[in-house]
Amino acid sequence: MLGAMTDQLLREDFLAQLGACIRDGSFVKLTLGKPRGPDATLRNLLVRPVTLRDGPRLSFVWRHERQDITKNHAPEDAITELAALIGSDFHSAHLFTTARMAQLEFNKKGEPRLTYGPAAAEKAAGEHDRAKQRLLTAESQPWLEKLGVTTAAGTVRESMADKHRQIHKFVEILSHLAAEAALPTHRPLEITDMGCGKGYLTFATHDYFNLVASRPAHVRGVEARSELVTTCNRIARETGRERLDFVQGTIESTKLPALDLLIALHACDTATDDALAQGVQAGAALLVVSPCCQKELRPQLTAAPVLAPALRHGIFQERHAEFATDALRALLLEWAGYDTKVFEFISTEHTARNLMIAATKRTGVARSAEAAKKIREFAAFYGIKSQALARQLYFDLGA
């Protein structure tokens, strides 16, 4: 009886905090996960404050497997609806306010656990900036200068303008993905950037988690070129980034320990598959990759005869191979227990076509027969007999 009362008090405490921050304007967002309702396609619910012509509202974005459905509610109506959903239809709730983050999780027995984390890095409703908001602060200036992105005065070098935009866009995307993933809050995060190159985004990832989001994280960059590893380690030490280090190795050969977040941008051809397989096998809660040079499947593709006249053009063959490769990767990740998003990142000097695949580990059933059936049907349609990620996940495309 006492345990049941305590459980109810934890839920009521969380709901009281939710109602208070919505009413006083400190509410930033709410994410509900672990859906337990009858709709098997529902993934999560994201709630944010919006201002419409008829006044302040809370926007409910119901995220399903193939579509998002948005509904706007008056604040008090929203509070009532959320109270009915939390603990029944959803067994995970992350409340972000300007003061702190509160997380209410229910275990398989329905018992709640309430924990707290640092304040959200986002702005509350009603706050505005005249200048464009940047998630990286002046604390990042030392490494931006040493890596040649900015001058000593903090001005972006003309030749590095695209790279500067890429860095900030990546951090913006990462902030949203991290908020949705079930990253641990009770210990420092373990993050690896595979094939990190000169380390621009590795440094940015370190600064976002450790300095902006106030979430302690050990960040490691893996790079094959020893001179870049030496340079990046030197800059990390010179700028006082003790939780950041770089090691020499390839994506394929580097063995990862337990991991929370894996990043691999512009890993060429099957190196992207190597990185994804490493992340899955290490149990990462979040995978973020940007593939390029998808060559492996091109010789195998035997598309429907109706497409043959178009595919005589090399550019269409190339894009066809890119689509088939990345679509198959997303399907395999979903079979392996992840929810995936595929979207355009940002154009860089490396490639005009810049796709990003983000995969968030879900709780619940993975490797279902239905997911496997979809993968094999897709592979059969294109005549795909073998693919790097499938091999590393021990998935038989021909079964």
Protein backbone atom coordinates (compact mmCIF):
# COMPACT_ATOMS: atom_id res chain seq x y z
CA MET A 1 0.00 0.00 0.00
CA LEU A 2 2.80 2.40 0.94
CA GLY A 3 4.62 1.64 -2.34
CA ALA A 4 1.49 2.37 -4.37
CA MET A 5 1.01 5.68 -2.55
CA THR A 6 4.63 6.65 -3.21
CA ASP A 7 4.25 5.79 -6.90
CA GLN A 8 1.16 7.97 -7.15
CA LEU A 9 2.92 10.85 -5.38
CA LEU A 10 5.82 10.75 -7.86
CA ARG A 11 3.42 10.96 -10.80
CA GLU A 12 1.42 13.77 -9.17
CA ASP A 13 4.65 15.64 -8.40
CA PHE A 14 5.70 15.45 -12.06
CA LEU A 15 2.26 16.59 -13.25
CA ALA A 16 2.32 19.49 -10.78
CA GLN A 17 5.68 20.62 -12.15
CA LEU A 18 4.34 20.31 -15.70
CA GLY A 19 1.30 22.45 -14.94
CA ALA A 20 3.34 25.05 -13.04
CA CYS A 21 5.91 25.61 -15.80
CA ILE A 22 3.21 25.87 -18.49
CA ARG A 23 1.40 28.52 -16.45
CA ASP A 24 4.49 30.56 -15.49
CA GLY A 25 6.10 30.53 -18.95
CA SER A 26 9.21 28.48 -18.09
CA PHE A 27 8.03 25.49 -20.16
CA VAL A 28 10.33 24.63 -23.10
CA LYS A 29 9.08 21.24 -24.31
CA LEU A 30 7.80 17.82 -23.29
CA THR A 31 8.60 14.51 -24.96
CA LEU A 32 6.49 11.43 -24.24
CA GLY A 33 7.89 8.04 -25.25
CA LYS A 34 7.44 4.30 -24.67
CA PRO A 35 3.91 4.29 -26.12
CA ARG A 36 1.59 1.64 -24.68
CA GLY A 37 -1.63 2.46 -26.55
CA PRO A 38 -3.38 0.39 -29.24
CA ASP A 39 -1.74 2.24 -32.16
CA ALA A 40 1.39 0.23 -33.04
CA THR A 41 2.59 2.94 -35.48
CA LEU A 42 2.86 5.63 -32.78
CA ARG A 43 6.48 6.45 -31.85
CA ASN A 44 6.28 9.43 -29.49
CA LEU A 45 4.56 12.72 -28.73
CA LEU A 46 6.37 16.07 -28.76
CA VAL A 47 4.72 19.07 -27.05
CA ARG A 48 5.96 22.63 -27.55
CA PRO A 49 4.54 26.09 -26.81
CA VAL A 50 3.36 28.15 -29.81
CA THR A 51 1.69 31.53 -30.20
CA LEU A 52 -1.26 31.66 -32.60
CA ARG A 53 -3.67 34.44 -33.54
CA ASP A 54 -6.06 33.36 -30.81
CA GLY A 55 -3.34 33.29 -28.16
CA PRO A 56 -0.80 30.88 -26.63
CA ARG A 57 -1.27 27.21 -27.39
CA LEU A 58 0.56 23.93 -26.87
CA SER A 59 1.38 22.13 -30.10
CA PHE A 60 1.05 18.32 -29.87
CA VAL A 61 3.06 16.56 -32.60
CA TRP A 62 2.03 12.87 -32.68
CA ARG A 63 4.90 11.10 -34.43
CA HIS A 64 3.91 7.93 -36.21
CA GLU A 65 5.98 5.51 -38.26
CA ARG A 66 5.07 7.17 -41.57
CA GLN A 67 3.53 10.53 -40.68
CA ASP A 68 3.30 13.29 -38.08
CA ILE A 69 -0.05 14.62 -36.87
CA THR A 70 -0.17 18.07 -35.23
CA LYS A 71 -2.93 19.36 -32.95
CA ASN A 72 -2.97 22.60 -30.96
CA HIS A 73 -4.61 22.90 -27.54
CA ALA A 74 -5.30 25.70 -25.06
CA PRO A 75 -2.89 25.43 -22.11
CA GLU A 76 -5.38 24.18 -19.51
CA ASP A 77 -6.90 21.67 -21.95
CA ALA A 78 -3.40 20.47 -22.78
CA ILE A 79 -2.55 19.96 -19.10
CA THR A 80 -5.69 17.86 -18.65
CA GLU A 81 -4.96 15.72 -21.71
CA LEU A 82 -1.32 15.18 -20.76
CA ALA A 83 -2.32 14.08 -17.25
CA ALA A 84 -4.42 11.32 -18.82
CA LEU A 85 -1.60 10.19 -21.14
CA ILE A 86 1.38 10.09 -18.78
CA GLY A 87 1.68 6.73 -17.08
CA SER A 88 -1.03 5.12 -19.18
CA ASP A 89 -0.53 5.64 -22.93
CA PHE A 90 3.11 6.70 -22.46
CA HIS A 91 5.60 5.26 -19.96
CA SER A 92 8.34 7.83 -20.45
CA ALA A 93 8.12 11.61 -20.02
CA HIS A 94 10.94 14.16 -20.40
CA LEU A 95 10.00 17.67 -19.23
CA PHE A 96 12.36 20.48 -20.25
CA THR A 97 12.08 23.87 -18.55
CA THR A 98 14.36 26.89 -18.23
CA ALA A 99 15.25 25.71 -14.70
CA ARG A 100 15.91 21.98 -15.19
CA MET A 101 14.93 18.74 -16.88
CA ALA A 102 12.62 16.27 -15.14
CA GLN A 103 12.34 12.67 -16.34
CA LEU A 104 9.53 10.32 -15.28
CA GLU A 105 10.08 6.69 -16.34
CA PHE A 106 7.84 3.69 -15.66
CA ASN A 107 9.31 0.19 -15.54
CA LYS A 108 7.63 -2.98 -16.81
CA LYS A 109 5.65 -3.23 -13.57
CA GLY A 110 4.36 0.30 -14.00
CA GLU A 111 6.47 1.65 -11.15
CA PRO A 112 7.66 5.27 -11.70
CA ARG A 113 11.12 6.74 -11.20
CA LEU A 114 11.59 10.51 -11.14
CA THR A 115 15.03 11.98 -11.88
CA TYR A 116 16.38 15.42 -12.72
CA GLY A 117 18.97 16.89 -15.08
CA PRO A 118 20.30 20.27 -16.22
CA ALA A 119 18.16 23.02 -17.71
CA ALA A 120 17.22 22.95 -21.37
CA ALA A 121 19.52 24.80 -23.74
CA GLU A 122 16.50 26.11 -25.65
CA LYS A 123 14.52 29.27 -25.01
CA ALA A 124 11.19 29.31 -23.20
CA ALA A 125 8.05 30.61 -24.85
CA GLY A 126 8.09 34.36 -25.33
CA GLU A 127 11.88 34.76 -25.40
CA HIS A 128 13.38 36.17 -28.58
CA ASP A 129 16.82 37.00 -29.90
CA ARG A 130 17.46 39.80 -32.37
CA ALA A 131 20.57 37.99 -33.55
CA LYS A 132 20.45 34.42 -34.81
CA GLN A 133 20.74 31.94 -31.94
CA ARG A 134 23.94 29.88 -31.95
CA LEU A 135 24.25 26.84 -29.71
CA LEU A 136 28.04 27.10 -29.56
CA THR A 137 29.22 29.99 -27.38
CA ALA A 138 32.35 32.14 -27.17
CA GLU A 139 33.98 29.28 -25.23
CA SER A 140 34.39 27.49 -28.58
CA GLN A 141 36.42 30.32 -30.10
CA PRO A 142 39.87 28.94 -29.09
CA TRP A 143 39.58 25.72 -31.09
CA LEU A 144 37.74 27.42 -33.97
CA GLU A 145 40.74 29.72 -34.30
CA LYS A 146 43.34 26.95 -33.96
CA LEU A 147 41.56 24.85 -36.60
CA GLY A 148 41.55 27.83 -38.95
CA VAL A 149 37.79 28.46 -39.02
CA THR A 150 38.04 31.94 -37.49
CA THR A 151 40.65 34.62 -37.00
CA ALA A 152 42.08 35.62 -33.61
CA ALA A 153 39.41 38.33 -33.50
CA GLY A 154 36.65 35.72 -33.91
CA THR A 155 35.79 36.63 -37.52
CA VAL A 156 34.91 33.69 -39.77
CA ARG A 157 37.50 33.26 -42.52
CA GLU A 158 35.95 33.70 -45.96
CA SER A 159 37.19 30.32 -47.18
CA MET A 160 35.69 28.62 -44.10
CA ALA A 161 32.21 30.15 -44.21
CA ASP A 162 30.62 26.91 -45.45
CA LYS A 163 32.40 24.88 -42.79
CA HIS A 164 31.32 27.34 -40.09
CA ARG A 165 27.68 26.99 -41.17
CA GLN A 166 28.04 23.21 -41.26
CA ILE A 167 29.38 23.13 -37.69
CA HIS A 168 26.52 25.18 -36.29
CA LYS A 169 23.89 23.32 -38.31
CA PHE A 170 25.22 20.00 -37.07
CA VAL A 171 25.07 21.14 -33.43
CA GLU A 172 21.50 22.34 -33.95
CA ILE A 173 20.47 18.96 -35.38
CA LEU A 174 22.36 17.09 -32.66
CA SER A 175 20.61 19.06 -29.92
CA HIS A 176 17.20 17.93 -31.19
CA LEU A 177 18.24 14.31 -31.73
CA ALA A 178 19.82 14.09 -28.27
CA ALA A 179 16.63 15.42 -26.67
CA GLU A 180 14.62 12.60 -28.25
CA ALA A 181 17.07 9.76 -27.52
CA ALA A 182 17.14 7.82 -24.26
CA LEU A 183 20.63 9.00 -23.32
CA PRO A 184 21.63 8.29 -19.71
CA THR A 185 21.52 11.11 -17.18
CA HIS A 186 23.17 9.36 -14.21
CA ARG A 187 26.70 9.17 -15.65
CA PRO A 188 28.90 10.87 -18.29
CA LEU A 189 28.00 10.05 -21.87
CA GLU A 190 30.35 8.02 -24.09
CA ILE A 191 30.51 9.45 -27.61
CA THR A 192 32.66 8.44 -30.60
CA ASP A 193 33.10 10.31 -33.87
CA MET A 194 34.32 7.77 -36.45
CA GLY A 195 36.49 9.06 -39.30
CA CYS A 196 36.56 12.49 -37.68
CA GLY A 197 39.07 14.11 -40.05
CA LYS A 198 40.26 17.48 -38.75
CA GLY A 199 37.88 17.22 -35.80
CA TYR A 200 35.62 20.21 -36.43
CA LEU A 201 32.44 18.37 -35.48
CA THR A 202 34.19 16.35 -32.75
CA PHE A 203 35.15 19.54 -30.94
CA ALA A 204 31.65 20.92 -31.53
CA THR A 205 30.04 17.78 -30.09
CA HIS A 206 32.25 18.01 -27.00
CA ASP A 207 31.35 21.65 -26.44
CA TYR A 208 27.63 21.15 -27.00
CA PHE A 209 27.26 18.44 -24.37
CA ASN A 210 29.84 19.63 -21.81
CA LEU A 211 29.50 23.42 -22.08
CA VAL A 212 26.06 24.15 -23.53
CA ALA A 213 23.78 21.31 -22.40
CA SER A 214 25.78 20.77 -19.17
CA ARG A 215 25.73 17.01 -19.73
CA PRO A 216 29.19 15.57 -18.96
CA ALA A 217 30.44 13.56 -21.93
CA HIS A 218 33.66 11.85 -22.92
CA VAL A 219 34.09 12.41 -26.66
CA ARG A 220 36.57 10.44 -28.76
CA GLY A 221 37.54 11.05 -32.37
CA VAL A 222 38.80 8.15 -34.48
CA GLU A 223 40.93 9.07 -37.52
CA ALA A 224 43.29 7.05 -39.74
CA ARG A 225 45.75 9.92 -40.44
CA SER A 226 48.26 10.15 -37.61
CA GLU A 227 49.15 13.79 -38.27
CA LEU A 228 45.52 14.86 -37.77
CA VAL A 229 45.26 12.82 -34.57
CA THR A 230 48.39 14.51 -33.20
CA THR A 231 47.14 18.00 -34.13
CA CYS A 232 43.67 17.49 -32.67
CA ASN A 233 45.02 16.06 -29.40
CA ARG A 234 47.36 19.02 -29.08
CA ILE A 235 44.54 21.53 -29.61
CA ALA A 236 42.28 19.66 -27.18
CA ARG A 237 44.97 19.92 -24.48
CA GLU A 238 45.83 23.56 -25.29
CA THR A 239 42.18 24.57 -25.00
CA GLY A 240 41.56 22.64 -21.77
CA ARG A 241 39.23 19.97 -23.12
CA GLU A 242 40.08 17.11 -20.79
CA ARG A 243 37.06 15.02 -21.84
CA LEU A 244 38.10 15.06 -25.50
CA ASP A 245 40.71 12.82 -27.12
CA PHE A 246 41.64 11.45 -30.53
CA VAL A 247 42.99 8.02 -31.47
CA GLN A 248 44.45 6.65 -34.69
CA GLY A 249 42.51 3.90 -36.42
CA THR A 250 40.06 3.07 -39.18
CA ILE A 251 36.31 2.75 -38.80
CA GLU A 252 36.52 -0.93 -39.66
CA SER A 253 39.35 -1.85 -37.29
CA THR A 254 38.54 0.26 -34.23
CA LYS A 255 36.70 -1.72 -31.56
CA LEU A 256 34.32 0.32 -29.45
CA PRO A 257 33.38 -0.26 -25.80
CA ALA A 258 29.87 0.44 -24.54
CA LEU A 259 28.66 3.56 -26.32
CA ASP A 260 25.83 6.08 -26.06
CA LEU A 261 26.25 8.07 -29.29
CA LEU A 262 28.05 7.25 -32.53
CA ILE A 263 28.77 9.85 -35.24
CA ALA A 264 30.19 9.12 -38.70
CA LEU A 265 29.93 11.87 -41.31
CA HIS A 266 31.05 11.39 -44.91
CA ALA A 267 32.28 7.84 -44.32
CA CYS A 268 32.85 6.57 -47.85
CA ASP A 269 30.85 3.66 -49.27
CA THR A 270 30.84 0.64 -46.91
CA ALA A 271 32.69 2.58 -44.17
CA THR A 272 29.24 3.96 -43.27
CA ASP A 273 28.04 0.37 -42.83
CA ASP A 274 31.08 -0.41 -40.68
CA ALA A 275 30.27 2.56 -38.43
CA LEU A 276 26.57 1.67 -38.14
CA ALA A 277 27.38 -1.94 -37.32
CA GLN A 278 29.86 -0.81 -34.66
CA GLY A 279 27.24 1.46 -33.11
CA VAL A 280 24.55 -1.23 -33.05
CA GLN A 281 26.92 -3.81 -31.58
CA ALA A 282 28.10 -1.31 -28.92
CA GLY A 283 24.48 -0.65 -27.89
CA ALA A 284 24.48 3.06 -28.80
CA ALA A 285 21.25 4.88 -28.04
CA LEU A 286 21.77 7.27 -30.96
CA LEU A 287 23.49 6.83 -34.34
CA VAL A 288 24.13 9.83 -36.62
CA VAL A 289 25.72 9.19 -40.02
CA SER A 290 26.01 11.06 -43.29
CA PRO A 291 26.82 8.54 -46.08
CA CYS A 292 28.66 9.25 -49.30
CA CYS A 293 30.02 7.39 -52.36
CA GLN A 294 27.44 4.58 -52.20
CA LYS A 295 29.15 2.25 -54.70
CA GLU A 296 28.71 -1.25 -53.30
CA LEU A 297 25.23 -2.00 -54.64
CA ARG A 298 25.51 -0.38 -58.05
CA PRO A 299 26.76 -3.53 -59.86
CA GLN A 300 24.00 -5.62 -58.27
CA LEU A 301 20.97 -3.46 -59.05
CA THR A 302 18.49 -4.96 -61.49
CA ALA A 303 15.60 -2.56 -61.29
CA ALA A 304 12.20 -3.03 -62.92
CA PRO A 305 12.35 -3.09 -66.76
CA VAL A 306 10.22 0.05 -66.97
CA LEU A 307 13.14 2.01 -65.47
CA ALA A 308 15.76 0.72 -67.94
CA PRO A 309 15.43 3.60 -70.47
CA ALA A 310 16.07 6.17 -67.73
CA LEU A 311 18.86 4.23 -66.06
CA ARG A 312 20.98 4.23 -69.19
CA HIS A 313 22.11 7.64 -67.94
CA GLY A 314 25.01 7.35 -65.49
CA ILE A 315 23.75 10.09 -63.16
CA PHE A 316 20.42 8.29 -62.70
CA GLN A 317 22.23 5.01 -62.03
CA GLU A 318 24.31 6.76 -59.37
CA ARG A 319 21.31 8.30 -57.63
CA HIS A 320 19.39 5.07 -57.92
CA ALA A 321 22.22 3.26 -56.13
CA GLU A 322 22.33 5.96 -53.45
CA PHE A 323 18.61 5.61 -52.78
CA ALA A 324 18.66 1.80 -52.67
CA THR A 325 21.72 1.76 -50.39
CA ASP A 326 20.49 4.27 -47.83
CA ALA A 327 16.90 2.99 -47.85
CA LEU A 328 18.18 -0.52 -47.14
CA ARG A 329 20.36 0.81 -44.33
CA ALA A 330 17.36 2.50 -42.72
CA LEU A 331 15.28 -0.69 -42.98
CA LEU A 332 18.06 -2.78 -41.44
CA LEU A 333 18.42 -0.34 -38.53
CA GLU A 334 14.67 -0.50 -37.90
CA TRP A 335 14.88 -4.31 -37.85
CA ALA A 336 17.80 -4.02 -35.39
CA GLY A 337 15.70 -2.03 -32.92
CA TYR A 338 16.03 1.63 -33.97
CA ASP A 339 13.62 4.31 -35.14
CA THR A 340 15.15 6.07 -38.13
CA LYS A 341 14.96 9.50 -39.74
CA VAL A 342 16.49 10.26 -43.12
CA PHE A 343 16.81 13.91 -44.12
CA GLU A 344 19.03 16.42 -45.89
CA PHE A 345 21.84 17.76 -43.74
CA ILE A 346 23.59 20.75 -45.32
CA SER A 347 25.62 21.16 -48.50
CA THR A 348 29.38 21.24 -47.94
CA GLU A 349 32.49 21.30 -50.02
CA HIS A 350 32.51 17.49 -49.90
CA THR A 351 29.25 16.78 -51.74
CA ALA A 352 26.22 18.60 -53.11
CA ARG A 353 23.96 15.74 -51.99
CA ASN A 354 24.21 15.45 -48.26
CA LEU A 355 21.89 12.97 -46.62
CA MET A 356 21.82 12.23 -42.92
CA ILE A 357 20.53 9.05 -41.28
CA ALA A 358 19.67 9.35 -37.58
CA ALA A 359 18.69 6.23 -35.65
CA THR A 360 17.32 6.29 -32.10
CA LYS A 361 17.31 3.05 -30.13
CA ARG A 362 13.83 2.09 -29.02
CA THR A 363 12.57 -0.08 -26.21
CA GLY A 364 10.42 -3.02 -27.14
CA VAL A 365 10.49 -5.70 -29.80
CA ALA A 366 13.37 -5.69 -32.28
CA ARG A 367 14.16 -8.00 -35.18
CA SER A 368 10.54 -8.81 -35.93
CA ALA A 369 9.55 -11.18 -38.71
CA GLU A 370 7.50 -8.41 -40.34
CA ALA A 371 10.49 -6.05 -40.50
CA ALA A 372 12.66 -8.83 -41.93
CA LYS A 373 10.02 -9.56 -44.59
CA LYS A 374 10.02 -5.91 -45.72
CA ILE A 375 13.81 -5.92 -46.05
CA ARG A 376 13.86 -9.09 -48.14
CA GLU A 377 11.09 -7.82 -50.39
CA PHE A 378 13.02 -4.59 -50.95
CA ALA A 379 16.24 -6.46 -51.68
CA ALA A 380 14.48 -8.87 -54.04
CA PHE A 381 12.91 -6.00 -55.99
CA TYR A 382 16.35 -4.53 -56.70
CA GLY A 383 18.16 -7.85 -57.08
CA ILE A 384 20.37 -7.20 -54.03
CA LYS A 385 22.05 -10.38 -52.82
CA SER A 386 24.64 -8.97 -50.43
CA GLN A 387 25.18 -5.70 -48.53
CA ALA A 388 27.79 -4.69 -45.96
CA LEU A 389 25.52 -3.71 -43.06
CA ALA A 390 23.33 -6.79 -43.57
CA ARG A 391 26.41 -9.03 -43.44
CA GLN A 392 27.68 -7.43 -40.24
CA LEU A 393 24.27 -7.72 -38.57
CA TYR A 394 24.06 -11.35 -39.78
CA PHE A 395 20.92 -10.64 -41.77
CA ASP A 396 20.37 -13.01 -44.73
CA LEU A 397 18.91 -10.95 -47.57
CA GLY A 398 18.04 -14.03 -49.56
CA ALA A 399 16.23 -16.10 -46.94
